[in-house]
Amino acid sequence: MPTPVMIATGNDKRAEPEAIAKGLERAMRCVCAVSAPGSQAGTGTLIGPDLVLTNYHVVEGLIGEGADFEGAECRFDYRLGEDDRLLDVGTTQTIFNIRDIVVASKPSLGDVRDGGDVFDDDKLDFAIIRLDTPAGQLPDYNGIRRGWIPLPRSGERPDPEIGQKFMILQYPYEIGGAFILQPLKSDNAKFTGVRGAAGQHARYTHNGATARGSSGGPCFAITFQFAFIALHNAGLGETADGQSRGQAIPLRRISGFIERAYERPANVLGLVPPQAPGKDVLARQRAESIERRKEAALCLMDRSREERRFLARLFAASLPQVARPLLHVVVCRTNDAHSHFIKRLKFLSFESQPNGIDQLRLMALTKGLSAPSRTPQPGVWPQQDDVAQRRQELSDIVQLLDPRSRYLVLLSRTIDAAWSLATEEPLLTEFAAMLAEHFGDNRDGIQAVVCFIVADGEDSNAVLQQFAGLWSAGTPPHCGVCVRLSQVGFNELDEWRAVLETAWTADDTFNAAIASQFNGTQLKPLDIVAKSLDVSLCNYIAGTLDRSGKPGEPRP
């Protein structure tokens, strides 16, 4: 009858290049260097989100009552790149503290020098470490979820076969007699014999090249889908003809011990790692990531010259002697991108000081827009009609708000030449007073912005000019500023472009695309500029994702 692995994979004893490549890529993410003060250094394999399999003798100093875990750690991704230099892991967490020993089995006499061929079925020289952080659920240096290699149940993996080829991964600590951690190493080898009582097959000898620190190195069958099949635990010197000689423990024996002796084997064996997303999922994630970042970039596209004073007032901390204004007015044309402006107000935290806004912008560009710090309450400014009726409509809006909560009230209305500032100004003043009275001691809980959108027409300039004079004779209590959103020139986007470059690095092609929207000192409506830059902005973001090597997250 074919062995379980052969049944599972359906292949023969010839190596499959794709299986080897995929298996090796996964293994390099999951194999780590294990070190602990008072113990030998060695190699380990991530077999669960926070579980590492290694040899007992590697972590012997951590086993038993009163064990001190200070300084005990597992280190991943310590290896060379294609340029033969150590990988630049950036800010990725690759070192994890050892928190506990979950299950362990001491070595047999045959595992130690001059111990003969005496092997106890319950003494297998292995230990399973628990890390203080689920390393398997976090990304590796390249942004890919690290994952793990499950420890199979005893009936799911056969013993090795004599002559079977395998690859051992290891973190040697010794070089030229010095005790120095080396980058991850591998060696192709084959199983050459067995040790133990007749028929016991307790240990398998092999001809792999190993050194101090290789203990606990996983052995992956080059045939059978690069399956994790044995655990290296000792070097046995050299043969008479000078070949390396080492020893490995079949995983089937380790799994069998856990099933017999550990009260919760299901918490250790056969833990299925999350599946790597397919190409269609990655493509969808990429498209969603581009759209999310484009939304953030357009939301942040502003007229820094005109908005700076407005934001400074809006974000100013409340002082006992100077209460924060509660009501502000925005006047614009239909194509002045007021929707971007309103969205910007939603997502920039009102609890931040003006000098903290830049950090919020960078976070939005790299991670997407965060949830508003206040509850947005959209609505409409009352239609031109009887003043008493309009006043009642405003009162109804206020009464619907919980005075103990925090809101951003956003009212808008499209107006034309029939609208009069003389009528709107007292209503705005009354509305601000209503908000102040309703929120009482919780006035920091309310901010309101009324947006008047001037319809296109022959008289639109006159209407804009009229509203520009709002509160010119003095700002009423609880009222703030009136800002006019106007057209922009090329230089007015410099600050916005600088923020994008800080988050995503410079891109000359995108800078040229911005410049192409303007002709010298020409001014253009911001909404038109934003729509024209849509494709170029998406390409810029896509290029950033490609350079980072991450399908959904550009490097901060």
Protein backbone atom coordinates (compact mmCIF):
# COMPACT_ATOMS: atom_id res chain seq x y z
CA MET A 1 0.00 0.00 0.00
CA PRO A 2 1.42 3.45 -0.85
CA THR A 3 2.58 5.59 2.03
CA PRO A 4 0.19 8.29 3.34
CA VAL A 5 2.17 11.11 1.77
CA MET A 6 2.11 9.44 -1.61
CA ILE A 7 -1.64 8.98 -1.34
CA ALA A 8 -2.07 12.61 -0.38
CA THR A 9 0.08 14.02 -3.19
CA GLY A 10 -0.47 11.45 -5.88
CA ASN A 11 3.13 11.74 -7.09
CA ASP A 12 6.03 9.34 -7.33
CA LYS A 13 9.58 9.71 -6.05
CA ARG A 14 10.62 12.30 -8.61
CA ALA A 15 11.00 15.87 -7.42
CA GLU A 16 8.44 18.44 -8.57
CA PRO A 17 10.14 21.83 -9.10
CA GLU A 18 7.05 23.94 -8.37
CA ALA A 19 6.37 22.06 -5.14
CA ILE A 20 9.97 22.53 -4.06
CA ALA A 21 9.93 26.25 -4.89
CA LYS A 22 6.67 26.88 -3.04
CA GLY A 23 7.68 24.71 -0.11
CA LEU A 24 11.09 26.33 0.23
CA GLU A 25 9.61 29.83 0.07
CA ARG A 26 7.20 28.96 2.88
CA ALA A 27 9.91 27.20 4.89
CA MET A 28 12.27 30.19 4.76
CA ARG A 29 9.52 32.35 6.28
CA CYS A 30 8.82 29.83 9.05
CA VAL A 31 12.28 28.63 10.15
CA CYS A 32 13.95 30.66 12.90
CA ALA A 33 17.05 30.86 15.05
CA VAL A 34 16.36 29.90 18.69
CA SER A 35 18.50 31.32 21.47
CA ALA A 36 18.19 31.30 25.23
CA PRO A 37 20.68 32.24 27.97
CA GLY A 38 21.90 29.10 29.70
CA SER A 39 20.92 26.85 26.81
CA GLN A 40 22.42 25.84 23.50
CA ALA A 41 21.40 27.85 20.44
CA GLY A 42 19.51 26.07 17.70
CA THR A 43 16.93 26.17 14.94
CA GLY A 44 13.15 26.05 15.15
CA THR A 45 10.12 25.78 12.88
CA LEU A 46 6.87 27.68 13.29
CA ILE A 47 4.13 25.00 13.51
CA GLY A 48 1.29 27.25 14.69
CA PRO A 49 0.54 30.96 15.01
CA ASP A 50 2.77 31.18 18.12
CA LEU A 51 4.27 27.67 18.38
CA VAL A 52 7.83 26.69 17.42
CA LEU A 53 9.19 23.13 17.26
CA THR A 54 12.86 22.59 18.20
CA ASN A 55 15.01 20.14 20.17
CA TYR A 56 14.74 19.67 23.92
CA HIS A 57 18.47 20.18 24.38
CA VAL A 58 18.27 23.57 22.58
CA VAL A 59 15.93 25.03 25.25
CA GLU A 60 16.74 22.78 28.19
CA GLY A 61 17.55 25.81 30.35
CA LEU A 62 13.97 27.03 29.91
CA ILE A 63 12.34 23.81 31.09
CA GLY A 64 11.37 23.27 34.71
CA GLU A 65 10.19 25.32 37.65
CA GLY A 66 11.64 28.78 38.06
CA ALA A 67 12.88 28.94 34.46
CA ASP A 68 14.00 32.44 33.46
CA PHE A 69 12.79 33.43 29.99
CA GLU A 70 14.58 36.78 30.01
CA GLY A 71 16.48 37.12 26.74
CA ALA A 72 15.04 33.91 25.24
CA GLU A 73 13.90 34.59 21.68
CA CYS A 74 13.24 33.32 18.18
CA ARG A 75 14.56 35.28 15.20
CA PHE A 76 13.11 35.02 11.69
CA ASP A 77 14.22 36.35 8.28
CA TYR A 78 17.92 36.46 9.20
CA ARG A 79 19.11 35.46 5.76
CA LEU A 80 20.81 36.71 2.64
CA GLY A 81 19.03 38.27 -0.29
CA GLU A 82 19.79 37.88 -3.98
CA ASP A 83 22.57 40.45 -3.63
CA ASP A 84 24.28 38.29 -0.97
CA ARG A 85 23.56 40.89 1.68
CA LEU A 86 21.43 40.46 4.77
CA LEU A 87 17.78 41.19 4.09
CA ASP A 88 16.66 44.69 4.99
CA VAL A 89 13.65 43.91 7.18
CA GLY A 90 12.91 47.58 7.89
CA THR A 91 10.50 47.97 10.79
CA THR A 92 9.04 44.45 10.43
CA GLN A 93 9.02 42.49 13.68
CA THR A 94 11.30 39.48 13.16
CA ILE A 95 12.38 38.77 16.77
CA PHE A 96 9.83 37.29 19.18
CA ASN A 97 10.25 36.53 22.86
CA ILE A 98 9.78 32.98 24.14
CA ARG A 99 7.01 32.92 26.72
CA ASP A 100 6.57 29.27 27.65
CA ILE A 101 7.37 25.64 26.87
CA VAL A 102 4.13 23.90 25.88
CA VAL A 103 5.27 20.27 25.66
CA ALA A 104 8.70 18.64 25.81
CA SER A 105 10.39 15.27 25.71
CA LYS A 106 13.94 14.63 26.93
CA PRO A 107 16.61 13.01 24.73
CA SER A 108 17.19 9.25 24.86
CA LEU A 109 20.59 7.80 25.76
CA GLY A 110 21.22 7.23 22.07
CA ASP A 111 20.85 10.97 21.38
CA VAL A 112 23.92 11.82 23.46
CA ARG A 113 27.52 10.99 22.67
CA ASP A 114 28.54 7.43 23.62
CA GLY A 115 24.93 6.60 24.46
CA GLY A 116 24.80 3.62 22.18
CA ASP A 117 21.65 2.71 20.26
CA VAL A 118 19.27 2.84 23.22
CA PHE A 119 16.15 4.85 22.36
CA ASP A 120 13.04 5.25 24.49
CA ASP A 121 9.76 5.87 22.59
CA ASP A 122 8.88 8.59 25.10
CA LYS A 123 12.27 10.33 24.99
CA LEU A 124 12.44 12.11 21.66
CA ASP A 125 14.56 15.25 22.25
CA PHE A 126 11.94 17.79 21.18
CA ALA A 127 10.19 20.80 22.68
CA ILE A 128 7.40 23.09 21.50
CA ILE A 129 7.91 26.75 22.38
CA ARG A 130 5.16 29.34 22.77
CA LEU A 131 6.00 32.86 21.63
CA ASP A 132 4.64 36.00 23.26
CA THR A 133 3.22 37.15 19.89
CA PRO A 134 1.47 35.18 17.11
CA ALA A 135 4.30 35.54 14.61
CA GLY A 136 2.49 33.35 12.09
CA GLN A 137 -0.33 35.85 11.76
CA LEU A 138 1.99 38.81 11.16
CA PRO A 139 3.69 39.77 7.89
CA ASP A 140 7.27 38.87 7.09
CA TYR A 141 9.79 41.45 5.87
CA ASN A 142 8.13 41.40 2.44
CA GLY A 143 4.62 42.06 3.71
CA ILE A 144 3.44 38.46 3.19
CA ARG A 145 1.65 36.75 6.06
CA ARG A 146 4.32 34.52 7.63
CA GLY A 147 2.02 31.54 8.18
CA TRP A 148 3.32 28.27 9.60
CA ILE A 149 4.02 24.63 8.72
CA PRO A 150 1.60 22.28 10.51
CA LEU A 151 2.97 19.43 12.60
CA PRO A 152 1.10 16.46 11.08
CA ARG A 153 -0.77 13.90 13.13
CA SER A 154 1.01 10.55 13.52
CA GLY A 155 -1.04 8.77 10.86
CA GLU A 156 -0.57 11.49 8.27
CA ARG A 157 3.16 11.27 7.66
CA PRO A 158 5.31 8.13 7.08
CA ASP A 159 8.83 7.58 8.29
CA PRO A 160 11.62 8.56 5.89
CA GLU A 161 12.98 5.96 3.49
CA ILE A 162 16.63 4.97 3.17
CA GLY A 163 18.06 6.87 0.21
CA GLN A 164 15.30 9.46 0.27
CA LYS A 165 16.56 12.93 -0.60
CA PHE A 166 15.73 15.87 1.63
CA MET A 167 16.73 19.45 2.38
CA ILE A 168 17.65 20.64 5.87
CA LEU A 169 17.29 24.31 6.84
CA GLN A 170 19.37 25.53 9.76
CA TYR A 171 20.84 28.50 11.61
CA PRO A 172 24.44 27.49 12.46
CA TYR A 173 26.01 29.48 15.29
CA GLU A 174 29.60 28.37 14.89
CA ILE A 175 32.07 29.65 12.32
CA GLY A 176 35.83 29.21 12.65
CA GLY A 177 35.44 28.30 16.32
CA ALA A 178 33.58 31.55 17.10
CA PHE A 179 30.03 31.50 18.44
CA ILE A 180 28.35 33.81 15.91
CA LEU A 181 24.89 33.49 14.37
CA GLN A 182 25.09 32.85 10.64
CA PRO A 183 22.33 33.61 8.14
CA LEU A 184 19.95 30.78 7.25
CA LYS A 185 21.70 27.86 5.55
CA SER A 186 20.46 24.81 3.68
CA ASP A 187 21.94 21.55 2.54
CA ASN A 188 20.67 18.82 0.25
CA ALA A 189 21.17 15.38 1.75
CA LYS A 190 19.70 11.90 1.91
CA PHE A 191 18.80 9.45 4.64
CA THR A 192 21.47 6.77 4.88
CA GLY A 193 20.40 4.41 7.67
CA VAL A 194 18.42 3.80 10.85
CA ARG A 195 19.26 3.54 14.54
CA GLY A 196 17.51 1.74 17.39
CA ALA A 197 16.39 -1.74 18.27
CA ALA A 198 15.52 -4.13 15.47
CA GLY A 199 12.52 -2.73 13.58
CA GLN A 200 12.31 0.29 15.85
CA HIS A 201 13.54 2.92 13.36
CA ALA A 202 13.90 5.38 16.23
CA ARG A 203 16.33 7.68 14.44
CA TYR A 204 17.43 8.12 10.87
CA THR A 205 21.02 8.90 9.96
CA HIS A 206 21.80 11.24 7.09
CA ASN A 207 24.75 12.81 5.28
CA GLY A 208 23.70 16.45 5.60
CA ALA A 209 26.29 19.10 6.49
CA THR A 210 25.40 20.61 9.87
CA ALA A 211 27.10 22.51 12.68
CA ARG A 212 26.41 23.82 16.18
CA GLY A 213 23.09 25.65 15.98
CA SER A 214 21.65 23.24 13.40
CA SER A 215 19.85 21.26 16.11
CA GLY A 216 16.11 21.49 15.57
CA GLY A 217 16.55 22.07 11.84
CA PRO A 218 13.56 20.80 9.82
CA CYS A 219 14.12 18.14 7.13
CA PHE A 220 11.91 18.55 4.05
CA ALA A 221 11.46 15.64 1.64
CA ILE A 222 12.47 16.83 -1.83
CA THR A 223 9.97 14.36 -3.20
CA PHE A 224 6.44 14.22 -1.75
CA GLN A 225 5.61 17.94 -2.07
CA PHE A 226 8.52 19.16 0.08
CA ALA A 227 6.83 17.61 3.13
CA PHE A 228 8.23 18.27 6.63
CA ILE A 229 9.29 14.74 7.51
CA ALA A 230 11.95 14.75 10.26
CA LEU A 231 13.72 16.89 12.86
CA HIS A 232 17.52 17.02 12.89
CA ASN A 233 18.85 16.66 16.44
CA ALA A 234 22.51 15.62 16.38
CA GLY A 235 25.73 15.50 14.45
CA LEU A 236 27.48 12.11 14.53
CA GLY A 237 30.87 13.17 13.23
CA GLU A 238 32.18 11.88 9.92
CA THR A 239 32.28 8.54 8.20
CA ALA A 240 35.56 6.77 7.40
CA ASP A 241 35.57 8.36 3.95
CA GLY A 242 35.10 11.87 5.39
CA GLN A 243 31.37 12.35 4.72
CA SER A 244 29.15 14.21 7.21
CA ARG A 245 26.95 12.07 9.39
CA GLY A 246 23.94 13.37 11.27
CA GLN A 247 20.75 12.15 12.86
CA ALA A 248 17.05 13.09 12.66
CA ILE A 249 13.87 12.14 14.50
CA PRO A 250 10.87 11.09 12.36
CA LEU A 251 7.99 13.54 12.86
CA ARG A 252 5.59 10.59 13.12
CA ARG A 253 7.18 9.64 16.45
CA ILE A 254 6.95 13.18 17.83
CA SER A 255 3.27 13.44 16.84
CA GLY A 256 2.55 10.04 18.37
CA PHE A 257 4.10 11.12 21.68
CA ILE A 258 1.99 14.30 21.72
CA GLU A 259 -1.16 12.26 21.05
CA ARG A 260 -0.30 9.91 23.95
CA ALA A 261 1.11 12.29 26.54
CA TYR A 262 -0.28 15.77 25.90
CA GLU A 263 -3.79 16.45 27.16
CA ARG A 264 -4.70 18.81 24.30
CA PRO A 265 -3.03 17.45 21.14
CA ALA A 266 -5.49 19.29 18.87
CA ASN A 267 -3.99 22.57 20.12
CA VAL A 268 -0.63 21.56 18.67
CA LEU A 269 -1.10 19.08 15.82
CA GLY A 270 -2.51 19.72 12.37
CA LEU A 271 -3.07 23.45 12.82
CA VAL A 272 -4.09 24.64 9.37
CA PRO A 273 -2.52 27.96 8.37
CA PRO A 274 -4.57 30.53 6.47
CA GLN A 275 -4.55 29.94 2.75
CA ALA A 276 -2.54 32.34 0.62
CA PRO A 277 -4.93 34.46 -1.43
CA GLY A 278 -5.33 33.51 -5.08
CA LYS A 279 -4.54 35.76 -8.00
CA ASP A 280 -8.14 36.97 -8.26
CA VAL A 281 -8.19 37.88 -4.56
CA LEU A 282 -4.85 39.69 -4.84
CA ALA A 283 -6.12 41.58 -7.88
CA ARG A 284 -9.25 42.62 -5.99
CA GLN A 285 -7.22 43.66 -2.95
CA ARG A 286 -4.95 45.70 -5.18
CA ALA A 287 -7.87 47.45 -6.89
CA GLU A 288 -9.52 48.18 -3.54
CA SER A 289 -6.23 49.47 -2.15
CA ILE A 290 -5.74 51.83 -5.09
CA GLU A 291 -9.30 53.13 -4.80
CA ARG A 292 -9.03 53.58 -1.02
CA ARG A 293 -5.82 55.58 -1.33
CA LYS A 294 -7.15 57.60 -4.26
CA GLU A 295 -10.16 58.52 -2.15
CA ALA A 296 -7.84 59.66 0.63
CA ALA A 297 -5.64 61.65 -1.77
CA LEU A 298 -8.61 63.46 -3.32
CA CYS A 299 -10.10 64.07 0.11
CA LEU A 300 -6.85 65.77 1.12
CA MET A 301 -6.52 67.86 -2.05
CA ASP A 302 -6.98 71.38 -0.69
CA ARG A 303 -6.36 75.04 -1.30
CA SER A 304 -3.78 75.50 1.41
CA ARG A 305 -3.71 79.29 1.06
CA GLU A 306 -7.43 79.71 1.73
CA GLU A 307 -8.02 76.85 4.14
CA ARG A 308 -5.13 77.38 6.53
CA ARG A 309 -6.83 80.11 8.56
CA PHE A 310 -10.07 78.16 8.61
CA LEU A 311 -8.45 74.96 9.89
CA ALA A 312 -6.38 76.87 12.45
CA ARG A 313 -9.58 78.28 13.94
CA LEU A 314 -11.46 75.02 13.67
CA PHE A 315 -8.76 72.92 15.31
CA ALA A 316 -7.71 75.44 17.94
CA ALA A 317 -7.90 74.15 21.50
CA SER A 318 -10.63 75.65 23.63
CA LEU A 319 -9.41 78.10 26.25
CA PRO A 320 -11.42 79.20 29.27
CA GLN A 321 -11.36 82.80 28.11
CA VAL A 322 -11.85 82.03 24.38
CA ALA A 323 -14.49 79.43 23.56
CA ARG A 324 -14.09 77.47 20.34
CA PRO A 325 -16.49 78.78 17.66
CA LEU A 326 -19.32 76.37 16.88
CA LEU A 327 -20.51 77.48 13.43
CA HIS A 328 -18.62 78.15 10.21
CA VAL A 329 -19.71 78.99 6.66
CA VAL A 330 -18.33 77.83 3.33
CA VAL A 331 -19.22 79.53 0.04
CA CYS A 332 -18.29 78.00 -3.31
CA ARG A 333 -19.34 77.28 -6.87
CA THR A 334 -20.73 73.94 -7.99
CA ASN A 335 -17.37 72.80 -9.42
CA ASP A 336 -15.17 73.92 -6.52
CA ALA A 337 -15.00 70.37 -5.05
CA HIS A 338 -16.92 71.21 -1.90
CA SER A 339 -17.63 67.46 -1.47
CA HIS A 340 -13.87 66.86 -1.03
CA PHE A 341 -13.76 69.70 1.47
CA ILE A 342 -16.68 68.30 3.48
CA LYS A 343 -15.10 64.84 3.49
CA ARG A 344 -11.82 66.39 4.66
CA LEU A 345 -13.62 67.91 7.64
CA LYS A 346 -15.10 64.52 8.52
CA PHE A 347 -11.84 62.64 8.62
CA LEU A 348 -9.44 65.16 10.16
CA SER A 349 -9.79 64.76 13.89
CA PHE A 350 -11.13 67.84 15.66
CA GLU A 351 -9.20 66.79 18.74
CA SER A 352 -5.89 67.38 16.96
CA GLN A 353 -3.88 70.55 17.05
CA PRO A 354 -3.03 72.19 13.70
CA ASN A 355 0.53 70.84 13.81
CA GLY A 356 -0.87 67.29 14.08
CA ILE A 357 -2.92 67.48 10.90
CA ASP A 358 0.06 66.57 8.70
CA GLN A 359 0.49 63.28 10.56
CA LEU A 360 -3.20 62.51 10.07
CA ARG A 361 -2.79 63.17 6.35
CA LEU A 362 0.13 60.76 6.08
CA MET A 363 -1.80 58.05 7.93
CA ALA A 364 -4.74 58.53 5.57
CA LEU A 365 -2.51 58.12 2.51
CA THR A 366 -0.75 54.98 3.74
CA LYS A 367 -3.64 53.26 5.52
CA GLY A 368 -6.79 54.89 4.12
CA LEU A 369 -9.22 57.30 5.73
CA SER A 370 -9.96 56.53 9.37
CA ALA A 371 -13.35 56.74 10.99
CA PRO A 372 -14.53 60.29 11.77
CA SER A 373 -13.81 61.42 15.31
CA ARG A 374 -17.32 62.86 15.53
CA THR A 375 -20.63 61.62 14.21
CA PRO A 376 -21.28 63.34 10.85
CA GLN A 377 -24.82 64.71 10.72
CA PRO A 378 -25.61 65.74 7.13
CA GLY A 379 -28.63 67.83 6.29
CA VAL A 380 -29.92 70.77 4.26
CA TRP A 381 -30.05 74.44 5.11
CA PRO A 382 -33.76 75.43 5.06
CA GLN A 383 -35.19 76.48 1.72
CA GLN A 384 -35.89 80.17 1.19
CA ASP A 385 -39.34 80.72 2.68
CA ASP A 386 -41.02 82.25 5.68
CA VAL A 387 -38.31 83.21 8.19
CA ALA A 388 -40.26 81.86 11.17
CA GLN A 389 -40.69 78.52 9.43
CA ARG A 390 -36.99 78.36 8.58
CA ARG A 391 -36.10 79.14 12.18
CA GLN A 392 -38.32 76.27 13.32
CA GLU A 393 -36.66 73.87 10.87
CA LEU A 394 -33.26 74.79 12.30
CA SER A 395 -34.55 74.30 15.82
CA ASP A 396 -35.83 70.84 14.84
CA ILE A 397 -32.37 69.92 13.53
CA VAL A 398 -30.78 70.93 16.83
CA GLN A 399 -33.34 69.12 18.97
CA LEU A 400 -32.57 65.82 17.25
CA LEU A 401 -28.98 65.95 18.52
CA ASP A 402 -28.00 64.30 21.81
CA PRO A 403 -26.36 67.11 23.84
CA ARG A 404 -24.02 64.57 25.51
CA SER A 405 -22.58 63.28 22.22
CA ARG A 406 -20.15 64.65 19.66
CA TYR A 407 -21.28 65.79 16.22
CA LEU A 408 -20.16 67.43 13.02
CA VAL A 409 -23.31 68.99 11.54
CA LEU A 410 -22.96 69.56 7.80
CA LEU A 411 -25.77 71.56 6.17
CA SER A 412 -25.71 72.57 2.51
CA ARG A 413 -27.89 74.53 0.11
CA THR A 414 -27.58 75.58 -3.52
CA ILE A 415 -28.43 79.26 -3.84
CA ASP A 416 -28.85 81.84 -6.61
CA ALA A 417 -29.21 85.60 -6.96
CA ALA A 418 -32.56 85.51 -5.14
CA TRP A 419 -30.81 84.72 -1.88
CA SER A 420 -29.90 87.64 0.31
CA LEU A 421 -27.10 87.86 2.85
CA ALA A 422 -29.28 90.25 4.83
CA THR A 423 -31.70 87.35 5.41
CA GLU A 424 -29.16 84.58 5.97
CA GLU A 425 -26.83 86.35 8.39
CA PRO A 426 -29.31 86.67 11.28
CA LEU A 427 -30.45 83.08 10.76
CA LEU A 428 -26.87 81.86 10.97
CA THR A 429 -26.37 83.86 14.17
CA GLU A 430 -29.54 82.35 15.68
CA PHE A 431 -28.52 78.86 14.63
CA ALA A 432 -25.16 79.24 16.41
CA ALA A 433 -26.97 80.42 19.55
CA MET A 434 -29.33 77.40 19.39
CA LEU A 435 -26.35 75.03 19.24
CA ALA A 436 -24.61 76.76 22.16
CA GLU A 437 -27.73 76.60 24.34
CA HIS A 438 -28.57 73.00 23.43
CA PHE A 439 -25.07 71.64 24.14
CA GLY A 440 -24.53 73.78 27.25
CA ASP A 441 -21.40 72.59 29.08
CA ASN A 442 -20.61 70.20 26.22
CA ARG A 443 -19.96 72.83 23.58
CA ASP A 444 -16.81 71.02 22.50
CA GLY A 445 -19.18 68.28 21.37
CA ILE A 446 -20.57 70.27 18.45
CA GLN A 447 -19.12 71.75 15.29
CA ALA A 448 -21.36 72.89 12.44
CA VAL A 449 -20.52 73.93 8.89
CA VAL A 450 -23.06 75.47 6.50
CA CYS A 451 -22.08 75.22 2.83
CA PHE A 452 -23.69 77.64 0.36
CA ILE A 453 -23.17 76.43 -3.21
CA VAL A 454 -23.70 79.20 -5.73
CA ALA A 455 -25.38 78.00 -8.93
CA ASP A 456 -23.76 78.90 -12.24
CA GLY A 457 -25.28 81.97 -13.89
CA GLU A 458 -24.71 85.55 -14.86
CA ASP A 459 -25.14 86.77 -11.30
CA SER A 460 -23.00 84.10 -9.60
CA ASN A 461 -20.05 86.44 -9.08
CA ALA A 462 -22.29 88.98 -7.39
CA VAL A 463 -23.67 86.32 -5.03
CA LEU A 464 -20.17 85.12 -4.13
CA GLN A 465 -19.03 88.65 -3.49
CA GLN A 466 -22.04 89.31 -1.30
CA PHE A 467 -21.34 86.32 0.95
CA ALA A 468 -17.68 87.25 1.15
CA GLY A 469 -18.83 90.12 3.35
CA LEU A 470 -20.43 87.81 5.92
CA TRP A 471 -19.59 88.90 9.50
CA SER A 472 -17.41 91.72 8.15
CA ALA A 473 -18.82 94.05 10.80
CA GLY A 474 -17.84 91.67 13.60
CA THR A 475 -18.23 87.98 14.30
CA PRO A 476 -21.32 87.14 16.41
CA PRO A 477 -21.01 84.90 19.48
CA HIS A 478 -20.25 81.22 18.74
CA CYS A 479 -19.58 81.94 15.06
CA GLY A 480 -16.23 81.30 13.41
CA VAL A 481 -15.09 82.06 9.88
CA CYS A 482 -16.51 82.23 6.39
CA VAL A 483 -14.20 80.65 3.85
CA ARG A 484 -14.64 80.87 0.09
CA LEU A 485 -13.52 77.90 -1.97
CA SER A 486 -12.12 79.22 -5.22
CA GLN A 487 -10.25 77.97 -8.26
CA VAL A 488 -6.64 76.84 -7.93
CA GLY A 489 -3.36 77.37 -9.72
CA PHE A 490 -0.44 74.98 -10.15
CA ASN A 491 1.55 76.34 -7.21
CA GLU A 492 -1.39 76.03 -4.84
CA LEU A 493 -1.14 72.24 -5.12
CA ASP A 494 2.52 72.20 -4.03
CA GLU A 495 1.70 71.41 -0.41
CA TRP A 496 -0.65 68.61 -1.41
CA ARG A 497 1.91 67.16 -3.80
CA ALA A 498 4.57 67.28 -1.07
CA VAL A 499 2.35 65.29 1.28
CA LEU A 500 1.84 62.62 -1.40
CA GLU A 501 5.58 62.41 -2.02
CA THR A 502 6.27 62.06 1.71
CA ALA A 503 3.92 59.08 1.84
CA TRP A 504 4.69 57.49 -1.54
CA THR A 505 8.07 58.95 -2.67
CA ALA A 506 8.56 61.36 -5.57
CA ASP A 507 7.12 60.55 -8.97
CA ASP A 508 8.16 62.79 -11.85
CA THR A 509 5.46 61.39 -14.13
CA PHE A 510 2.72 62.34 -11.72
CA ASN A 511 4.24 65.78 -11.12
CA ALA A 512 4.21 66.30 -14.89
CA ALA A 513 0.56 65.24 -14.98
CA ILE A 514 -0.30 67.94 -12.42
CA ALA A 515 1.62 70.58 -14.37
CA SER A 516 -0.16 69.62 -17.59
CA GLN A 517 -3.48 70.71 -16.09
CA PHE A 518 -2.44 74.36 -16.04
CA ASN A 519 -1.28 76.86 -18.60
CA GLY A 520 1.05 79.29 -16.89
CA THR A 521 -0.91 81.29 -14.32
CA GLN A 522 -4.23 79.82 -15.39
CA LEU A 523 -6.68 78.97 -12.61
CA LYS A 524 -8.98 75.94 -12.77
CA PRO A 525 -11.85 74.60 -10.63
CA LEU A 526 -10.49 72.02 -8.22
CA ASP A 527 -13.19 69.51 -9.12
CA ILE A 528 -12.09 69.62 -12.78
CA VAL A 529 -8.44 69.16 -11.78
CA ALA A 530 -9.30 66.19 -9.57
CA LYS A 531 -11.24 64.43 -12.34
CA SER A 532 -8.47 65.07 -14.88
CA LEU A 533 -5.84 63.59 -12.56
CA ASP A 534 -7.85 60.44 -11.81
CA VAL A 535 -5.95 58.06 -14.10
CA SER A 536 -2.53 59.56 -13.35
CA LEU A 537 -3.18 59.36 -9.60
CA CYS A 538 -4.22 55.70 -9.87
CA ASN A 539 -1.05 54.92 -11.84
CA TYR A 540 1.06 56.72 -9.21
CA ILE A 541 -0.50 54.69 -6.40
CA ALA A 542 -0.18 51.44 -8.37
CA GLY A 543 3.51 52.16 -8.94
CA THR A 544 3.97 52.70 -5.21
CA LEU A 545 2.38 49.34 -4.44
CA ASP A 546 4.60 47.64 -7.02
CA ARG A 547 7.76 49.18 -5.59
CA SER A 548 6.85 48.11 -2.07
CA GLY A 549 6.19 44.52 -3.12
CA LYS A 550 2.99 44.50 -1.05
CA PRO A 551 -0.39 44.01 -2.75
CA GLY A 552 -2.27 46.24 -0.35
CA GLU A 553 0.08 48.29 1.78
CA PRO A 554 2.67 50.79 0.55
CA ARG A 555 5.63 51.15 2.89
CA PRO A 556 5.11 54.00 5.37
